Amino acid sequence: MLYTIHFHDNPDADPDLRPRFMAQHLAFLTDNKKAIRAAGPLKEDDGQVKGGLWLVDVATVEQAWDLVKTDPFWTTGLRDKVEIKQWLQVFAEGQTLV
């Protein structure tokens, strides 16, 4: 099943957390590339990164949470809020899929 994972950064987190742990975070994404189809930061209108978005392909929402909880960014306290939603892809590359 496909899930979107929307991360909101902790506004009280040390601003140096993201750059300090970025290499470990990217290595984590690479190590989990079978489940994490896409990932990237979400920017505010002012260009500041305040969160992120993943598209994951796992069997259960619990497996999606397991990925979240093992991401190096999670253990640093960078993340404040996480929203996980099942996603049904109905359109891709110019074609309907259903």
PDB file of N, CA and C in Angstrom:
ATOM      1  N   MET A   1       0.835  -1.175   0.000  1.00  0.00           N
ATOM      2  CA  MET A   1       0.000   0.000   0.000  1.00  0.00           C
ATOM      3  C   MET A   1       0.882   1.242   0.000  1.00  0.00           C
ATOM      4  N   LEU A   2       0.358   2.261  -0.596  1.00  0.00           N
ATOM      5  CA  LEU A   2       1.075   3.533  -0.613  1.00  0.00           C
ATOM      6  C   LEU A   2       0.586   4.420   0.525  1.00  0.00           C
ATOM      7  N   TYR A   3       1.540   5.085   1.156  1.00  0.00           N
ATOM      8  CA  TYR A   3       1.243   6.030   2.220  1.00  0.00           C
ATOM      9  C   TYR A   3       2.039   7.310   1.975  1.00  0.00           C
ATOM     10  N   THR A   4       1.420   8.433   2.304  1.00  0.00           N
ATOM     11  CA  THR A   4       2.169   9.686   2.366  1.00  0.00           C
ATOM     12  C   THR A   4       2.502   9.923   3.834  1.00  0.00           C
ATOM     13  N   ILE A   5       3.700  10.429   4.059  1.00  0.00           N
ATOM     14  CA  ILE A   5       4.114  10.792   5.406  1.00  0.00           C
ATOM     15  C   ILE A   5       4.534  12.252   5.353  1.00  0.00           C
ATOM     16  N   HIS A   6       3.787  13.070   6.076  1.00  0.00           N
ATOM     17  CA  HIS A   6       4.031  14.517   6.099  1.00  0.00           C
ATOM     18  C   HIS A   6       4.637  14.849   7.455  1.00  0.00           C
ATOM     19  N   PHE A   7       5.857  15.350   7.423  1.00  0.00           N
ATOM     20  CA  PHE A   7       6.584  15.721   8.631  1.00  0.00           C
ATOM     21  C   PHE A   7       6.498  17.227   8.849  1.00  0.00           C
ATOM     22  N   HIS A   8       6.258  17.630  10.083  1.00  0.00           N
ATOM     23  CA  HIS A   8       6.306  19.027  10.485  1.00  0.00           C
ATOM     24  C   HIS A   8       7.480  19.157  11.448  1.00  0.00           C
ATOM     25  N   ASP A   9       8.345  20.108  11.198  1.00  0.00           N
ATOM     26  CA  ASP A   9       9.494  20.294  12.079  1.00  0.00           C
ATOM     27  C   ASP A   9       9.083  20.896  13.414  1.00  0.00           C
ATOM     28  N   ASN A  10       9.856  20.573  14.422  1.00  0.00           N
ATOM     29  CA  ASN A  10       9.685  21.133  15.750  1.00  0.00           C
ATOM     30  C   ASN A  10      10.189  22.581  15.711  1.00  0.00           C
ATOM     31  N   PRO A  11       9.330  23.564  15.955  1.00  0.00           N
ATOM     32  CA  PRO A  11       9.771  24.961  15.872  1.00  0.00           C
ATOM     33  C   PRO A  11      10.827  25.316  16.924  1.00  0.00           C
ATOM     34  N   ASP A  12      10.925  24.523  17.982  1.00  0.00           N
ATOM     35  CA  ASP A  12      11.901  24.783  19.043  1.00  0.00           C
ATOM     36  C   ASP A  12      13.207  24.013  18.854  1.00  0.00           C
ATOM     37  N   ALA A  13      13.302  23.239  17.774  1.00  0.00           N
ATOM     38  CA  ALA A  13      14.505  22.434  17.541  1.00  0.00           C
ATOM     39  C   ALA A  13      15.687  23.315  17.161  1.00  0.00           C
ATOM     40  N   ASP A  14      16.854  22.854  17.505  1.00  0.00           N
ATOM     41  CA  ASP A  14      18.101  23.534  17.131  1.00  0.00           C
ATOM     42  C   ASP A  14      18.162  23.619  15.605  1.00  0.00           C
ATOM     43  N   PRO A  15      18.347  24.803  15.026  1.00  0.00           N
ATOM     44  CA  PRO A  15      18.371  24.942  13.564  1.00  0.00           C
ATOM     45  C   PRO A  15      19.541  24.202  12.907  1.00  0.00           C
ATOM     46  N   ASP A  16      20.530  23.804  13.679  1.00  0.00           N
ATOM     47  CA  ASP A  16      21.664  23.067  13.122  1.00  0.00           C
ATOM     48  C   ASP A  16      21.418  21.567  13.021  1.00  0.00           C
ATOM     49  N   LEU A  17      20.274  21.076  13.530  1.00  0.00           N
ATOM     50  CA  LEU A  17      20.007  19.633  13.504  1.00  0.00           C
ATOM     51  C   LEU A  17      19.959  19.082  12.078  1.00  0.00           C
ATOM     52  N   ARG A  18      19.220  19.766  11.197  1.00  0.00           N
ATOM     53  CA  ARG A  18      19.058  19.250   9.831  1.00  0.00           C
ATOM     54  C   ARG A  18      20.410  19.109   9.125  1.00  0.00           C
ATOM     55  N   PRO A  19      21.227  20.155   9.048  1.00  0.00           N
ATOM     56  CA  PRO A  19      22.510  19.977   8.357  1.00  0.00           C
ATOM     57  C   PRO A  19      23.439  18.994   9.072  1.00  0.00           C
ATOM     58  N   ARG A  20      23.378  18.965  10.384  1.00  0.00           N
ATOM     59  CA  ARG A  20      24.275  18.082  11.138  1.00  0.00           C
ATOM     60  C   ARG A  20      23.950  16.605  10.912  1.00  0.00           C
ATOM     61  N   PHE A  21      22.674  16.267  10.709  1.00  0.00           N
ATOM     62  CA  PHE A  21      22.272  14.872  10.550  1.00  0.00           C
ATOM     63  C   PHE A  21      21.855  14.513   9.120  1.00  0.00           C
ATOM     64  N   MET A  22      22.050  15.434   8.173  1.00  0.00           N
ATOM     65  CA  MET A  22      21.601  15.197   6.802  1.00  0.00           C
ATOM     66  C   MET A  22      22.263  13.970   6.176  1.00  0.00           C
ATOM     67  N   ALA A  23      23.552  13.782   6.348  1.00  0.00           N
ATOM     68  CA  ALA A  23      24.233  12.631   5.734  1.00  0.00           C
ATOM     69  C   ALA A  23      23.652  11.323   6.262  1.00  0.00           C
ATOM     70  N   GLN A  24      23.387  11.261   7.558  1.00  0.00           N
ATOM     71  CA  GLN A  24      22.804  10.041   8.132  1.00  0.00           C
ATOM     72  C   GLN A  24      21.373   9.828   7.637  1.00  0.00           C
ATOM     73  N   HIS A  25      20.626  10.930   7.519  1.00  0.00           N
ATOM     74  CA  HIS A  25      19.257  10.848   7.018  1.00  0.00           C
ATOM     75  C   HIS A  25      19.250  10.334   5.572  1.00  0.00           C
ATOM     76  N   LEU A  26      20.122  10.877   4.735  1.00  0.00           N
ATOM     77  CA  LEU A  26      20.181  10.431   3.334  1.00  0.00           C
ATOM     78  C   LEU A  26      20.632   8.975   3.227  1.00  0.00           C
ATOM     79  N   ALA A  27      21.548   8.553   4.077  1.00  0.00           N
ATOM     80  CA  ALA A  27      21.965   7.150   4.104  1.00  0.00           C
ATOM     81  C   ALA A  27      20.792   6.260   4.513  1.00  0.00           C
ATOM     82  N   PHE A  28      19.999   6.713   5.481  1.00  0.00           N
ATOM     83  CA  PHE A  28      18.804   5.980   5.904  1.00  0.00           C
ATOM     84  C   PHE A  28      17.833   5.832   4.737  1.00  0.00           C
ATOM     85  N   LEU A  29      17.592   6.919   4.003  1.00  0.00           N
ATOM     86  CA  LEU A  29      16.692   6.847   2.853  1.00  0.00           C
ATOM     87  C   LEU A  29      17.209   5.841   1.829  1.00  0.00           C
ATOM     88  N   THR A  30      18.498   5.868   1.571  1.00  0.00           N
ATOM     89  CA  THR A  30      19.097   4.924   0.621  1.00  0.00           C
ATOM     90  C   THR A  30      18.955   3.488   1.113  1.00  0.00           C
ATOM     91  N   ASP A  31      19.208   3.273   2.391  1.00  0.00           N
ATOM     92  CA  ASP A  31      19.084   1.923   2.965  1.00  0.00           C
ATOM     93  C   ASP A  31      17.656   1.396   2.904  1.00  0.00           C
ATOM     94  N   ASN A  32      16.680   2.295   2.830  1.00  0.00           N
ATOM     95  CA  ASN A  32      15.267   1.912   2.818  1.00  0.00           C
ATOM     96  C   ASN A  32      14.590   2.224   1.487  1.00  0.00           C
ATOM     97  N   LYS A  33      15.385   2.222   0.416  1.00  0.00           N
ATOM     98  CA  LYS A  33      14.862   2.633  -0.891  1.00  0.00           C
ATOM     99  C   LYS A  33      13.782   1.711  -1.443  1.00  0.00           C
ATOM    100  N   LYS A  34      13.699   0.482  -0.968  1.00  0.00           N
ATOM    101  CA  LYS A  34      12.624  -0.407  -1.433  1.00  0.00           C
ATOM    102  C   LYS A  34      11.271   0.044  -0.908  1.00  0.00           C
ATOM    103  N   ALA A  35      11.246   0.653   0.264  1.00  0.00           N
ATOM    104  CA  ALA A  35       9.988   1.105   0.855  1.00  0.00           C
ATOM    105  C   ALA A  35       9.729   2.584   0.599  1.00  0.00           C
ATOM    106  N   ILE A  36      10.769   3.396   0.629  1.00  0.00           N
ATOM    107  CA  ILE A  36      10.598   4.844   0.468  1.00  0.00           C
ATOM    108  C   ILE A  36      10.787   5.188  -1.004  1.00  0.00           C
ATOM    109  N   ARG A  37       9.678   5.427  -1.687  1.00  0.00           N
ATOM    110  CA  ARG A  37       9.716   5.697  -3.129  1.00  0.00           C
ATOM    111  C   ARG A  37      10.209   7.092  -3.463  1.00  0.00           C
ATOM    112  N   ALA A  38       9.860   8.054  -2.615  1.00  0.00           N
ATOM    113  CA  ALA A  38      10.255   9.442  -2.849  1.00  0.00           C
ATOM    114  C   ALA A  38      10.299  10.160  -1.507  1.00  0.00           C
ATOM    115  N   ALA A  39      11.168  11.152  -1.410  1.00  0.00           N
ATOM    116  CA  ALA A  39      11.291  11.926  -0.180  1.00  0.00           C
ATOM    117  C   ALA A  39      11.889  13.285  -0.505  1.00  0.00           C
ATOM    118  N   GLY A  40      11.499  14.276   0.285  1.00  0.00           N
ATOM    119  CA  GLY A  40      12.086  15.591   0.094  1.00  0.00           C
ATOM    120  C   GLY A  40      11.525  16.604   1.060  1.00  0.00           C
ATOM    121  N   PRO A  41      12.219  17.749   1.162  1.00  0.00           N
ATOM    122  CA  PRO A  41      11.798  18.795   2.085  1.00  0.00           C
ATOM    123  C   PRO A  41      10.593  19.561   1.555  1.00  0.00           C
ATOM    124  N   LEU A  42       9.874  20.153   2.484  1.00  0.00           N
ATOM    125  CA  LEU A  42       8.778  21.059   2.151  1.00  0.00           C
ATOM    126  C   LEU A  42       9.193  22.454   2.593  1.00  0.00           C
ATOM    127  N   LYS A  43       9.108  23.392   1.658  1.00  0.00           N
ATOM    128  CA  LYS A  43       9.533  24.760   1.944  1.00  0.00           C
ATOM    129  C   LYS A  43       8.325  25.675   2.124  1.00  0.00           C
ATOM    130  N   GLU A  44       8.494  26.613   3.023  1.00  0.00           N
ATOM    131  CA  GLU A  44       7.491  27.659   3.233  1.00  0.00           C
ATOM    132  C   GLU A  44       7.654  28.718   2.141  1.00  0.00           C
ATOM    133  N   ASP A  45       6.743  29.667   2.101  1.00  0.00           N
ATOM    134  CA  ASP A  45       6.802  30.736   1.100  1.00  0.00           C
ATOM    135  C   ASP A  45       8.107  31.521   1.169  1.00  0.00           C
ATOM    136  N   ASP A  46       8.704  31.599   2.359  1.00  0.00           N
ATOM    137  CA  ASP A  46       9.957  32.342   2.511  1.00  0.00           C
ATOM    138  C   ASP A  46      11.194  31.502   2.164  1.00  0.00           C
ATOM    139  N   GLY A  47      10.974  30.264   1.714  1.00  0.00           N
ATOM    140  CA  GLY A  47      12.078  29.398   1.317  1.00  0.00           C
ATOM    141  C   GLY A  47      12.641  28.540   2.433  1.00  0.00           C
ATOM    142  N   GLN A  48      12.171  28.733   3.658  1.00  0.00           N
ATOM    143  CA  GLN A  48      12.658  27.963   4.792  1.00  0.00           C
ATOM    144  C   GLN A  48      12.058  26.562   4.786  1.00  0.00           C
ATOM    145  N   VAL A  49      12.895  25.567   5.054  1.00  0.00           N
ATOM    146  CA  VAL A  49      12.422  24.191   5.173  1.00  0.00           C
ATOM    147  C   VAL A  49      11.831  24.024   6.563  1.00  0.00           C
ATOM    148  N   LYS A  50      10.585  23.568   6.595  1.00  0.00           N
ATOM    149  CA  LYS A  50       9.874  23.396   7.870  1.00  0.00           C
ATOM    150  C   LYS A  50       9.292  22.000   8.010  1.00  0.00           C
ATOM    151  N   GLY A  51       9.695  21.085   7.136  1.00  0.00           N
ATOM    152  CA  GLY A  51       9.161  19.734   7.194  1.00  0.00           C
ATOM    153  C   GLY A  51       9.578  18.943   5.986  1.00  0.00           C
ATOM    154  N   GLY A  52       8.904  17.838   5.792  1.00  0.00           N
ATOM    155  CA  GLY A  52       9.231  16.979   4.666  1.00  0.00           C
ATOM    156  C   GLY A  52       8.064  16.095   4.282  1.00  0.00           C
ATOM    157  N   LEU A  53       8.226  15.411   3.168  1.00  0.00           N
ATOM    158  CA  LEU A  53       7.193  14.524   2.661  1.00  0.00           C
ATOM    159  C   LEU A  53       7.838  13.273   2.103  1.00  0.00           C
ATOM    160  N   TRP A  54       7.298  12.129   2.464  1.00  0.00           N
ATOM    161  CA  TRP A  54       7.728  10.845   1.897  1.00  0.00           C
ATOM    162  C   TRP A  54       6.534  10.184   1.241  1.00  0.00           C
ATOM    163  N   LEU A  55       6.800   9.408   0.214  1.00  0.00           N
ATOM    164  CA  LEU A  55       5.839   8.476  -0.355  1.00  0.00           C
ATOM    165  C   LEU A  55       6.431   7.102  -0.114  1.00  0.00           C
ATOM    166  N   VAL A  56       5.727   6.283   0.654  1.00  0.00           N
ATOM    167  CA  VAL A  56       6.259   4.964   1.005  1.00  0.00           C
ATOM    168  C   VAL A  56       5.319   3.868   0.525  1.00  0.00           C
ATOM    169  N   ASP A  57       5.914   2.726   0.228  1.00  0.00           N
ATOM    170  CA  ASP A  57       5.168   1.550  -0.203  1.00  0.00           C
ATOM    171  C   ASP A  57       5.449   0.438   0.800  1.00  0.00           C
ATOM    172  N   VAL A  58       4.527   0.269   1.750  1.00  0.00           N
ATOM    173  CA  VAL A  58       4.637  -0.752   2.789  1.00  0.00           C
ATOM    174  C   VAL A  58       3.272  -1.400   2.972  1.00  0.00           C
ATOM    175  N   ALA A  59       3.243  -2.534   3.650  1.00  0.00           N
ATOM    176  CA  ALA A  59       1.997  -3.283   3.804  1.00  0.00           C
ATOM    177  C   ALA A  59       1.034  -2.659   4.807  1.00  0.00           C
ATOM    178  N   THR A  60       1.567  -2.020   5.848  1.00  0.00           N
ATOM    179  CA  THR A  60       0.704  -1.516   6.916  1.00  0.00           C
ATOM    180  C   THR A  60       1.159  -0.136   7.379  1.00  0.00           C
ATOM    181  N   VAL A  61       0.257   0.572   8.036  1.00  0.00           N
ATOM    182  CA  VAL A  61       0.606   1.861   8.613  1.00  0.00           C
ATOM    183  C   VAL A  61       1.641   1.680   9.722  1.00  0.00           C
ATOM    184  N   GLU A  62       1.618   0.559  10.408  1.00  0.00           N
ATOM    185  CA  GLU A  62       2.621   0.287  11.441  1.00  0.00           C
ATOM    186  C   GLU A  62       4.025   0.227  10.842  1.00  0.00           C
ATOM    187  N   GLN A  63       4.160  -0.341   9.652  1.00  0.00           N
ATOM    188  CA  GLN A  63       5.460  -0.374   8.981  1.00  0.00           C
ATOM    189  C   GLN A  63       5.897   1.031   8.579  1.00  0.00           C
ATOM    190  N   ALA A  64       4.943   1.869   8.203  1.00  0.00           N
ATOM    191  CA  ALA A  64       5.270   3.264   7.897  1.00  0.00           C
ATOM    192  C   ALA A  64       5.789   3.957   9.157  1.00  0.00           C
ATOM    193  N   TRP A  65       5.131   3.737  10.288  1.00  0.00           N
ATOM    194  CA  TRP A  65       5.594   4.321  11.552  1.00  0.00           C
ATOM    195  C   TRP A  65       6.973   3.806  11.932  1.00  0.00           C
ATOM    196  N   ASP A  66       7.230   2.522  11.671  1.00  0.00           N
ATOM    197  CA  ASP A  66       8.558   1.968  11.967  1.00  0.00           C
ATOM    198  C   ASP A  66       9.642   2.721  11.198  1.00  0.00           C
ATOM    199  N   LEU A  67       9.371   3.054   9.940  1.00  0.00           N
ATOM    200  CA  LEU A  67      10.332   3.836   9.157  1.00  0.00           C
ATOM    201  C   LEU A  67      10.545   5.210   9.785  1.00  0.00           C
ATOM    202  N   VAL A  68       9.454   5.858  10.145  1.00  0.00           N
ATOM    203  CA  VAL A  68       9.546   7.185  10.761  1.00  0.00           C
ATOM    204  C   VAL A  68      10.423   7.138  11.997  1.00  0.00           C
ATOM    205  N   LYS A  69      10.170   6.177  12.846  1.00  0.00           N
ATOM    206  CA  LYS A  69      10.842   6.119  14.148  1.00  0.00           C
ATOM    207  C   LYS A  69      12.306   5.709  14.065  1.00  0.00           C
ATOM    208  N   THR A  70      12.734   5.183  12.920  1.00  0.00           N
ATOM    209  CA  THR A  70      14.143   4.813  12.776  1.00  0.00           C
ATOM    210  C   THR A  70      14.935   5.810  11.934  1.00  0.00           C
ATOM    211  N   ASP A  71      14.252   6.828  11.415  1.00  0.00           N
ATOM    212  CA  ASP A  71      14.929   7.895  10.670  1.00  0.00           C
ATOM    213  C   ASP A  71      15.790   8.708  11.640  1.00  0.00           C
ATOM    214  N   PRO A  72      17.042   8.975  11.314  1.00  0.00           N
ATOM    215  CA  PRO A  72      17.890   9.782  12.197  1.00  0.00           C
ATOM    216  C   PRO A  72      17.287  11.139  12.570  1.00  0.00           C
ATOM    217  N   PHE A  73      16.509  11.739  11.688  1.00  0.00           N
ATOM    218  CA  PHE A  73      15.886  13.008  12.032  1.00  0.00           C
ATOM    219  C   PHE A  73      14.897  12.846  13.188  1.00  0.00           C
ATOM    220  N   TRP A  74      14.225  11.709  13.274  1.00  0.00           N
ATOM    221  CA  TRP A  74      13.238  11.483  14.328  1.00  0.00           C
ATOM    222  C   TRP A  74      13.908  11.454  15.698  1.00  0.00           C
ATOM    223  N   THR A  75      15.001  10.740  15.787  1.00  0.00           N
ATOM    224  CA  THR A  75      15.649  10.563  17.087  1.00  0.00           C
ATOM    225  C   THR A  75      16.321  11.840  17.591  1.00  0.00           C
ATOM    226  N   THR A  76      16.533  12.840  16.733  1.00  0.00           N
ATOM    227  CA  THR A  76      17.159  14.094  17.151  1.00  0.00           C
ATOM    228  C   THR A  76      16.158  15.071  17.768  1.00  0.00           C
ATOM    229  N   GLY A  77      14.868  14.825  17.545  1.00  0.00           N
ATOM    230  CA  GLY A  77      13.851  15.770  17.998  1.00  0.00           C
ATOM    231  C   GLY A  77      13.520  16.827  16.963  1.00  0.00           C
ATOM    232  N   LEU A  78      14.050  16.689  15.748  1.00  0.00           N
ATOM    233  CA  LEU A  78      13.754  17.653  14.690  1.00  0.00           C
ATOM    234  C   LEU A  78      12.269  17.643  14.319  1.00  0.00           C
ATOM    235  N   ARG A  79      11.685  16.456  14.310  1.00  0.00           N
ATOM    236  CA  ARG A  79      10.280  16.331  13.911  1.00  0.00           C
ATOM    237  C   ARG A  79       9.363  16.639  15.095  1.00  0.00           C
ATOM    238  N   ASP A  80       8.286  17.358  14.809  1.00  0.00           N
ATOM    239  CA  ASP A  80       7.322  17.728  15.842  1.00  0.00           C
ATOM    240  C   ASP A  80       6.023  16.944  15.674  1.00  0.00           C
ATOM    241  N   LYS A  81       5.546  16.910  14.454  1.00  0.00           N
ATOM    242  CA  LYS A  81       4.266  16.276  14.154  1.00  0.00           C
ATOM    243  C   LYS A  81       4.428  15.458  12.879  1.00  0.00           C
ATOM    244  N   VAL A  82       3.752  14.310  12.839  1.00  0.00           N
ATOM    245  CA  VAL A  82       3.813  13.447  11.674  1.00  0.00           C
ATOM    246  C   VAL A  82       2.386  13.035  11.320  1.00  0.00           C
ATOM    247  N   GLU A  83       2.058  13.151  10.043  1.00  0.00           N
ATOM    248  CA  GLU A  83       0.759  12.710   9.552  1.00  0.00           C
ATOM    249  C   GLU A  83       0.994  11.602   8.522  1.00  0.00           C
ATOM    250  N   ILE A  84       0.400  10.449   8.747  1.00  0.00           N
ATOM    251  CA  ILE A  84       0.512   9.335   7.809  1.00  0.00           C
ATOM    252  C   ILE A  84      -0.880   9.047   7.267  1.00  0.00           C
ATOM    253  N   LYS A  85      -0.978   9.053   5.953  1.00  0.00           N
ATOM    254  CA  LYS A  85      -2.260   8.810   5.283  1.00  0.00           C
ATOM    255  C   LYS A  85      -2.065   7.778   4.171  1.00  0.00           C
ATOM    256  N   GLN A  86      -3.007   6.861   4.056  1.00  0.00           N
ATOM    257  CA  GLN A  86      -2.984   5.944   2.923  1.00  0.00           C
ATOM    258  C   GLN A  86      -3.311   6.751   1.673  1.00  0.00           C
ATOM    259  N   TRP A  87      -2.610   6.434   0.589  1.00  0.00           N
ATOM    260  CA  TRP A  87      -2.785   7.184  -0.654  1.00  0.00           C
ATOM    261  C   TRP A  87      -3.079   6.215  -1.784  1.00  0.00           C
ATOM    262  N   LEU A  88      -4.096   6.532  -2.560  1.00  0.00           N
ATOM    263  CA  LEU A  88      -4.444   5.731  -3.730  1.00  0.00           C
ATOM    264  C   LEU A  88      -4.062   6.533  -4.963  1.00  0.00           C
ATOM    265  N   GLN A  89      -3.070   6.069  -5.666  1.00  0.00           N
ATOM    266  CA  GLN A  89      -2.630   6.762  -6.876  1.00  0.00           C
ATOM    267  C   GLN A  89      -3.588   6.428  -8.002  1.00  0.00           C
ATOM    268  N   VAL A  90      -4.187   7.441  -8.599  1.00  0.00           N
ATOM    269  CA  VAL A  90      -5.145   7.237  -9.679  1.00  0.00           C
ATOM    270  C   VAL A  90      -4.671   7.824 -11.003  1.00  0.00           C
ATOM    271  N   PHE A  91      -3.546   8.569 -10.957  1.00  0.00           N
ATOM    272  CA  PHE A  91      -3.058   9.212 -12.168  1.00  0.00           C
ATOM    273  C   PHE A  91      -1.543   9.307 -12.087  1.00  0.00           C
ATOM    274  N   ALA A  92      -0.862   8.970 -13.166  1.00  0.00           N
ATOM    275  CA  ALA A  92       0.603   9.077 -13.221  1.00  0.00           C
ATOM    276  C   ALA A  92       1.052   9.130 -14.675  1.00  0.00           C
ATOM    277  N   GLU A  93       2.045   9.967 -14.912  1.00  0.00           N
ATOM    278  CA  GLU A  93       2.677  10.068 -16.226  1.00  0.00           C
ATOM    279  C   GLU A  93       1.654  10.211 -17.356  1.00  0.00           C
ATOM    280  N   GLY A  94       0.649  11.044 -17.106  1.00  0.00           N
ATOM    281  CA  GLY A  94      -0.336  11.355 -18.135  1.00  0.00           C
ATOM    282  C   GLY A  94      -1.414  10.322 -18.331  1.00  0.00           C
ATOM    283  N   GLN A  95      -1.481   9.318 -17.446  1.00  0.00           N
ATOM    284  CA  GLN A  95      -2.482   8.268 -17.634  1.00  0.00           C
ATOM    285  C   GLN A  95      -3.245   7.992 -16.340  1.00  0.00           C
ATOM    286  N   THR A  96      -4.530   7.669 -16.481  1.00  0.00           N
ATOM    287  CA  THR A  96      -5.299   7.227 -15.329  1.00  0.00           C
ATOM    288  C   THR A  96      -4.937   5.782 -15.049  1.00  0.00           C
ATOM    289  N   LEU A  97      -4.934   5.434 -13.768  1.00  0.00           N
ATOM    290  CA  LEU A  97      -4.497   4.105 -13.349  1.00  0.00           C
ATOM    291  C   LEU A  97      -5.635   3.230 -12.836  1.00  0.00           C
ATOM    292  N   VAL A  98      -6.834   3.762 -12.773  1.00  0.00           N
ATOM    293  CA  VAL A  98      -7.976   2.973 -12.281  1.00  0.00           C
ATOM    294  C   VAL A  98      -9.004   2.805 -13.342  1.00  0.00           C
TER     295      VAL A  98
END
